[in-house]
Amino acid sequence: MKDLQTIELSLEEIEAYRLRYMEDLDQQQAAEKMHTSTSTYQRILYSAYKKIAEALTMGKAIKIIRHQ
């Protein structure tokens, strides 16, 4: 794992992804759970999508960070 490049995901990005795919919430419900607007939730989720896709397709490790 030391030699792998890493992609950093914030706790917000992980939570947005979890709410969508593990809790199966729609955008409005997930935004409410995260106490944010739907547009902000969408931006956070899109950022998570891009990072996760990059990690999977480029063979990079995912590191979850507390602060962005």
PDB file of N, CA and C in Angstrom:
ATOM      1  N   MET A   1       0.819  -1.203   0.000  1.00  0.00           N
ATOM      2  CA  MET A   1       0.000   0.000   0.000  1.00  0.00           C
ATOM      3  C   MET A   1       0.860   1.263   0.000  1.00  0.00           C
ATOM      4  N   LYS A   2       2.060   1.179   0.521  1.00  0.00           N
ATOM      5  CA  LYS A   2       2.923   2.357   0.576  1.00  0.00           C
ATOM      6  C   LYS A   2       3.193   2.937  -0.796  1.00  0.00           C
ATOM      7  N   ASP A   3       3.347   2.068  -1.784  1.00  0.00           N
ATOM      8  CA  ASP A   3       3.720   2.504  -3.118  1.00  0.00           C
ATOM      9  C   ASP A   3       2.549   3.013  -3.957  1.00  0.00           C
ATOM     10  N   LEU A   4       1.343   2.779  -3.502  1.00  0.00           N
ATOM     11  CA  LEU A   4       0.175   3.227  -4.254  1.00  0.00           C
ATOM     12  C   LEU A   4      -0.038   4.729  -4.103  1.00  0.00           C
ATOM     13  N   GLN A   5      -0.433   5.350  -5.185  1.00  0.00           N
ATOM     14  CA  GLN A   5      -0.889   6.733  -5.084  1.00  0.00           C
ATOM     15  C   GLN A   5      -2.233   6.706  -4.385  1.00  0.00           C
ATOM     16  N   THR A   6      -2.569   7.780  -3.703  1.00  0.00           N
ATOM     17  CA  THR A   6      -3.838   7.805  -2.982  1.00  0.00           C
ATOM     18  C   THR A   6      -4.746   8.924  -3.479  1.00  0.00           C
ATOM     19  N   ILE A   7      -6.013   8.677  -3.321  1.00  0.00           N
ATOM     20  CA  ILE A   7      -7.061   9.659  -3.574  1.00  0.00           C
ATOM     21  C   ILE A   7      -7.689   9.937  -2.213  1.00  0.00           C
ATOM     22  N   GLU A   8      -7.818  11.197  -1.864  1.00  0.00           N
ATOM     23  CA  GLU A   8      -8.392  11.560  -0.572  1.00  0.00           C
ATOM     24  C   GLU A   8      -9.868  11.912  -0.709  1.00  0.00           C
ATOM     25  N   LEU A   9     -10.686  11.259   0.112  1.00  0.00           N
ATOM     26  CA  LEU A   9     -12.110  11.565   0.188  1.00  0.00           C
ATOM     27  C   LEU A   9     -12.402  12.126   1.566  1.00  0.00           C
ATOM     28  N   SER A  10     -13.188  13.194   1.593  1.00  0.00           N
ATOM     29  CA  SER A  10     -13.566  13.787   2.883  1.00  0.00           C
ATOM     30  C   SER A  10     -14.692  12.961   3.510  1.00  0.00           C
ATOM     31  N   LEU A  11     -14.877  13.170   4.790  1.00  0.00           N
ATOM     32  CA  LEU A  11     -15.988  12.507   5.474  1.00  0.00           C
ATOM     33  C   LEU A  11     -17.324  12.897   4.851  1.00  0.00           C
ATOM     34  N   GLU A  12     -17.444  14.148   4.404  1.00  0.00           N
ATOM     35  CA  GLU A  12     -18.673  14.603   3.734  1.00  0.00           C
ATOM     36  C   GLU A  12     -18.928  13.810   2.461  1.00  0.00           C
ATOM     37  N   GLU A  13     -17.879  13.595   1.673  1.00  0.00           N
ATOM     38  CA  GLU A  13     -18.023  12.842   0.418  1.00  0.00           C
ATOM     39  C   GLU A  13     -18.435  11.401   0.695  1.00  0.00           C
ATOM     40  N   ILE A  14     -17.814  10.796   1.690  1.00  0.00           N
ATOM     41  CA  ILE A  14     -18.169   9.417   2.055  1.00  0.00           C
ATOM     42  C   ILE A  14     -19.618   9.353   2.531  1.00  0.00           C
ATOM     43  N   GLU A  15     -20.029  10.319   3.350  1.00  0.00           N
ATOM     44  CA  GLU A  15     -21.404  10.331   3.858  1.00  0.00           C
ATOM     45  C   GLU A  15     -22.405  10.526   2.730  1.00  0.00           C
ATOM     46  N   ALA A  16     -22.116  11.422   1.803  1.00  0.00           N
ATOM     47  CA  ALA A  16     -23.017  11.637   0.666  1.00  0.00           C
ATOM     48  C   ALA A  16     -23.164  10.346  -0.140  1.00  0.00           C
ATOM     49  N   TYR A  17     -22.058   9.672  -0.382  1.00  0.00           N
ATOM     50  CA  TYR A  17     -22.065   8.413  -1.138  1.00  0.00           C
ATOM     51  C   TYR A  17     -22.830   7.332  -0.369  1.00  0.00           C
ATOM     52  N   ARG A  18     -22.597   7.251   0.933  1.00  0.00           N
ATOM     53  CA  ARG A  18     -23.276   6.256   1.773  1.00  0.00           C
ATOM     54  C   ARG A  18     -24.793   6.463   1.771  1.00  0.00           C
ATOM     55  N   LEU A  19     -25.205   7.710   1.931  1.00  0.00           N
ATOM     56  CA  LEU A  19     -26.644   7.989   1.951  1.00  0.00           C
ATOM     57  C   LEU A  19     -27.304   7.598   0.636  1.00  0.00           C
ATOM     58  N   ARG A  20     -26.616   7.844  -0.466  1.00  0.00           N
ATOM     59  CA  ARG A  20     -27.189   7.527  -1.781  1.00  0.00           C
ATOM     60  C   ARG A  20     -27.227   6.030  -2.047  1.00  0.00           C
ATOM     61  N   TYR A  21     -26.137   5.351  -1.758  1.00  0.00           N
ATOM     62  CA  TYR A  21     -26.029   3.953  -2.178  1.00  0.00           C
ATOM     63  C   TYR A  21     -26.234   2.913  -1.090  1.00  0.00           C
ATOM     64  N   MET A  22     -26.077   3.285   0.160  1.00  0.00           N
ATOM     65  CA  MET A  22     -26.330   2.311   1.219  1.00  0.00           C
ATOM     66  C   MET A  22     -27.704   2.530   1.853  1.00  0.00           C
ATOM     67  N   GLU A  23     -28.086   3.793   1.973  1.00  0.00           N
ATOM     68  CA  GLU A  23     -29.400   4.111   2.522  1.00  0.00           C
ATOM     69  C   GLU A  23     -30.457   4.251   1.432  1.00  0.00           C
ATOM     70  N   ASP A  24     -30.010   4.328   0.179  1.00  0.00           N
ATOM     71  CA  ASP A  24     -30.883   4.443  -0.992  1.00  0.00           C
ATOM     72  C   ASP A  24     -31.797   5.672  -0.927  1.00  0.00           C
ATOM     73  N   LEU A  25     -31.243   6.784  -0.435  1.00  0.00           N
ATOM     74  CA  LEU A  25     -32.019   8.019  -0.351  1.00  0.00           C
ATOM     75  C   LEU A  25     -31.905   8.789  -1.655  1.00  0.00           C
ATOM     76  N   ASP A  26     -32.949   9.542  -1.982  1.00  0.00           N
ATOM     77  CA  ASP A  26     -32.843  10.407  -3.146  1.00  0.00           C
ATOM     78  C   ASP A  26     -32.100  11.676  -2.741  1.00  0.00           C
ATOM     79  N   GLN A  27     -31.846  12.531  -3.709  1.00  0.00           N
ATOM     80  CA  GLN A  27     -31.027  13.720  -3.481  1.00  0.00           C
ATOM     81  C   GLN A  27     -31.612  14.628  -2.401  1.00  0.00           C
ATOM     82  N   GLN A  28     -32.897  14.864  -2.436  1.00  0.00           N
ATOM     83  CA  GLN A  28     -33.546  15.737  -1.452  1.00  0.00           C
ATOM     84  C   GLN A  28     -33.432  15.154  -0.040  1.00  0.00           C
ATOM     85  N   GLN A  29     -33.729  13.868   0.106  1.00  0.00           N
ATOM     86  CA  GLN A  29     -33.660  13.230   1.418  1.00  0.00           C
ATOM     87  C   GLN A  29     -32.232  13.255   1.971  1.00  0.00           C
ATOM     88  N   ALA A  30     -31.278  12.947   1.122  1.00  0.00           N
ATOM     89  CA  ALA A  30     -29.878  12.928   1.554  1.00  0.00           C
ATOM     90  C   ALA A  30     -29.411  14.327   1.947  1.00  0.00           C
ATOM     91  N   ALA A  31     -29.788  15.328   1.175  1.00  0.00           N
ATOM     92  CA  ALA A  31     -29.411  16.710   1.499  1.00  0.00           C
ATOM     93  C   ALA A  31     -29.976  17.109   2.862  1.00  0.00           C
ATOM     94  N   GLU A  32     -31.213  16.731   3.128  1.00  0.00           N
ATOM     95  CA  GLU A  32     -31.821  17.031   4.422  1.00  0.00           C
ATOM     96  C   GLU A  32     -31.055  16.352   5.554  1.00  0.00           C
ATOM     97  N   LYS A  33     -30.686  15.095   5.361  1.00  0.00           N
ATOM     98  CA  LYS A  33     -29.919  14.367   6.388  1.00  0.00           C
ATOM     99  C   LYS A  33     -28.577  15.022   6.646  1.00  0.00           C
ATOM    100  N   MET A  34     -27.984  15.598   5.605  1.00  0.00           N
ATOM    101  CA  MET A  34     -26.680  16.245   5.748  1.00  0.00           C
ATOM    102  C   MET A  34     -26.804  17.722   6.117  1.00  0.00           C
ATOM    103  N   HIS A  35     -28.040  18.196   6.284  1.00  0.00           N
ATOM    104  CA  HIS A  35     -28.305  19.599   6.647  1.00  0.00           C
ATOM    105  C   HIS A  35     -27.669  20.556   5.644  1.00  0.00           C
ATOM    106  N   THR A  36     -27.923  20.288   4.374  1.00  0.00           N
ATOM    107  CA  THR A  36     -27.385  21.131   3.317  1.00  0.00           C
ATOM    108  C   THR A  36     -28.412  21.269   2.197  1.00  0.00           C
ATOM    109  N   SER A  37     -28.132  22.127   1.254  1.00  0.00           N
ATOM    110  CA  SER A  37     -29.041  22.283   0.112  1.00  0.00           C
ATOM    111  C   SER A  37     -28.836  21.127  -0.865  1.00  0.00           C
ATOM    112  N   THR A  38     -29.809  20.932  -1.724  1.00  0.00           N
ATOM    113  CA  THR A  38     -29.676  19.853  -2.703  1.00  0.00           C
ATOM    114  C   THR A  38     -28.532  20.123  -3.675  1.00  0.00           C
ATOM    115  N   SER A  39     -28.315  21.379  -4.023  1.00  0.00           N
ATOM    116  CA  SER A  39     -27.224  21.676  -4.954  1.00  0.00           C
ATOM    117  C   SER A  39     -25.859  21.414  -4.311  1.00  0.00           C
ATOM    118  N   THR A  40     -25.723  21.749  -3.040  1.00  0.00           N
ATOM    119  CA  THR A  40     -24.468  21.457  -2.337  1.00  0.00           C
ATOM    120  C   THR A  40     -24.274  19.951  -2.207  1.00  0.00           C
ATOM    121  N   TYR A  41     -25.332  19.246  -1.857  1.00  0.00           N
ATOM    122  CA  TYR A  41     -25.245  17.784  -1.761  1.00  0.00           C
ATOM    123  C   TYR A  41     -24.804  17.197  -3.105  1.00  0.00           C
ATOM    124  N   GLN A  42     -25.382  17.674  -4.177  1.00  0.00           N
ATOM    125  CA  GLN A  42     -25.044  17.173  -5.502  1.00  0.00           C
ATOM    126  C   GLN A  42     -23.570  17.410  -5.824  1.00  0.00           C
ATOM    127  N   ARG A  43     -23.058  18.570  -5.471  1.00  0.00           N
ATOM    128  CA  ARG A  43     -21.626  18.865  -5.708  1.00  0.00           C
ATOM    129  C   ARG A  43     -20.731  17.922  -4.901  1.00  0.00           C
ATOM    130  N   ILE A  44     -21.103  17.675  -3.648  1.00  0.00           N
ATOM    131  CA  ILE A  44     -20.316  16.779  -2.800  1.00  0.00           C
ATOM    132  C   ILE A  44     -20.336  15.371  -3.375  1.00  0.00           C
ATOM    133  N   LEU A  45     -21.511  14.892  -3.767  1.00  0.00           N
ATOM    134  CA  LEU A  45     -21.640  13.544  -4.313  1.00  0.00           C
ATOM    135  C   LEU A  45     -20.875  13.405  -5.629  1.00  0.00           C
ATOM    136  N   TYR A  46     -20.958  14.404  -6.490  1.00  0.00           N
ATOM    137  CA  TYR A  46     -20.241  14.363  -7.759  1.00  0.00           C
ATOM    138  C   TYR A  46     -18.731  14.296  -7.530  1.00  0.00           C
ATOM    139  N   SER A  47     -18.255  15.036  -6.558  1.00  0.00           N
ATOM    140  CA  SER A  47     -16.836  15.000  -6.218  1.00  0.00           C
ATOM    141  C   SER A  47     -16.444  13.595  -5.762  1.00  0.00           C
ATOM    142  N   ALA A  48     -17.283  12.973  -4.943  1.00  0.00           N
ATOM    143  CA  ALA A  48     -17.015  11.606  -4.493  1.00  0.00           C
ATOM    144  C   ALA A  48     -16.997  10.645  -5.680  1.00  0.00           C
ATOM    145  N   TYR A  49     -17.960  10.774  -6.593  1.00  0.00           N
ATOM    146  CA  TYR A  49     -18.005   9.920  -7.792  1.00  0.00           C
ATOM    147  C   TYR A  49     -16.690   9.986  -8.560  1.00  0.00           C
ATOM    148  N   LYS A  50     -16.235  11.200  -8.827  1.00  0.00           N
ATOM    149  CA  LYS A  50     -15.014  11.381  -9.611  1.00  0.00           C
ATOM    150  C   LYS A  50     -13.812  10.741  -8.923  1.00  0.00           C
ATOM    151  N   LYS A  51     -13.690  10.968  -7.630  1.00  0.00           N
ATOM    152  CA  LYS A  51     -12.551  10.434  -6.888  1.00  0.00           C
ATOM    153  C   LYS A  51     -12.586   8.911  -6.815  1.00  0.00           C
ATOM    154  N   ILE A  52     -13.752   8.353  -6.560  1.00  0.00           N
ATOM    155  CA  ILE A  52     -13.883   6.898  -6.482  1.00  0.00           C
ATOM    156  C   ILE A  52     -13.605   6.273  -7.842  1.00  0.00           C
ATOM    157  N   ALA A  53     -14.131   6.873  -8.902  1.00  0.00           N
ATOM    158  CA  ALA A  53     -13.884   6.363 -10.255  1.00  0.00           C
ATOM    159  C   ALA A  53     -12.399   6.408 -10.585  1.00  0.00           C
ATOM    160  N   GLU A  54     -11.727   7.490 -10.220  1.00  0.00           N
ATOM    161  CA  GLU A  54     -10.292   7.591 -10.481  1.00  0.00           C
ATOM    162  C   GLU A  54      -9.526   6.511  -9.722  1.00  0.00           C
ATOM    163  N   ALA A  55      -9.877   6.309  -8.465  1.00  0.00           N
ATOM    164  CA  ALA A  55      -9.194   5.286  -7.669  1.00  0.00           C
ATOM    165  C   ALA A  55      -9.393   3.899  -8.276  1.00  0.00           C
ATOM    166  N   LEU A  56     -10.608   3.590  -8.668  1.00  0.00           N
ATOM    167  CA  LEU A  56     -10.896   2.255  -9.224  1.00  0.00           C
ATOM    168  C   LEU A  56     -10.246   2.032 -10.586  1.00  0.00           C
ATOM    169  N   THR A  57     -10.304   3.026 -11.433  1.00  0.00           N
ATOM    170  CA  THR A  57      -9.799   2.834 -12.793  1.00  0.00           C
ATOM    171  C   THR A  57      -8.288   3.006 -12.908  1.00  0.00           C
ATOM    172  N   MET A  58      -7.699   3.725 -11.973  1.00  0.00           N
ATOM    173  CA  MET A  58      -6.262   3.972 -12.029  1.00  0.00           C
ATOM    174  C   MET A  58      -5.483   3.175 -10.985  1.00  0.00           C
ATOM    175  N   GLY A  59      -6.174   2.319 -10.235  1.00  0.00           N
ATOM    176  CA  GLY A  59      -5.509   1.485  -9.241  1.00  0.00           C
ATOM    177  C   GLY A  59      -4.916   2.264  -8.081  1.00  0.00           C
ATOM    178  N   LYS A  60      -5.635   3.280  -7.634  1.00  0.00           N
ATOM    179  CA  LYS A  60      -5.153   4.095  -6.519  1.00  0.00           C
ATOM    180  C   LYS A  60      -5.885   3.727  -5.234  1.00  0.00           C
ATOM    181  N   ALA A  61      -5.209   3.954  -4.112  1.00  0.00           N
ATOM    182  CA  ALA A  61      -5.816   3.714  -2.803  1.00  0.00           C
ATOM    183  C   ALA A  61      -6.727   4.889  -2.454  1.00  0.00           C
ATOM    184  N   ILE A  62      -7.707   4.623  -1.612  1.00  0.00           N
ATOM    185  CA  ILE A  62      -8.605   5.668  -1.130  1.00  0.00           C
ATOM    186  C   ILE A  62      -8.293   5.926   0.333  1.00  0.00           C
ATOM    187  N   LYS A  63      -8.063   7.194   0.650  1.00  0.00           N
ATOM    188  CA  LYS A  63      -7.791   7.605   2.025  1.00  0.00           C
ATOM    189  C   LYS A  63      -8.907   8.547   2.451  1.00  0.00           C
ATOM    190  N   ILE A  64      -9.519   8.260   3.591  1.00  0.00           N
ATOM    191  CA  ILE A  64     -10.586   9.107   4.109  1.00  0.00           C
ATOM    192  C   ILE A  64      -9.963  10.103   5.078  1.00  0.00           C
ATOM    193  N   ILE A  65     -10.238  11.388   4.819  1.00  0.00           N
ATOM    194  CA  ILE A  65      -9.660  12.438   5.645  1.00  0.00           C
ATOM    195  C   ILE A  65     -10.746  13.193   6.415  1.00  0.00           C
ATOM    196  N   ARG A  66     -10.370  13.751   7.533  1.00  0.00           N
ATOM    197  CA  ARG A  66     -11.320  14.509   8.354  1.00  0.00           C
ATOM    198  C   ARG A  66     -11.591  15.901   7.811  1.00  0.00           C
ATOM    199  N   HIS A  67     -10.571  16.568   7.303  1.00  0.00           N
ATOM    200  CA  HIS A  67     -10.734  17.931   6.799  1.00  0.00           C
ATOM    201  C   HIS A  67     -10.384  17.965   5.337  1.00  0.00           C
ATOM    202  N   GLN A  68     -11.100  18.799   4.597  1.00  0.00           N
ATOM    203  CA  GLN A  68     -10.837  18.887   3.152  1.00  0.00           C
ATOM    204  C   GLN A  68      -9.938  20.031   2.846  1.00  0.00           C
TER     205      GLN A  68
END
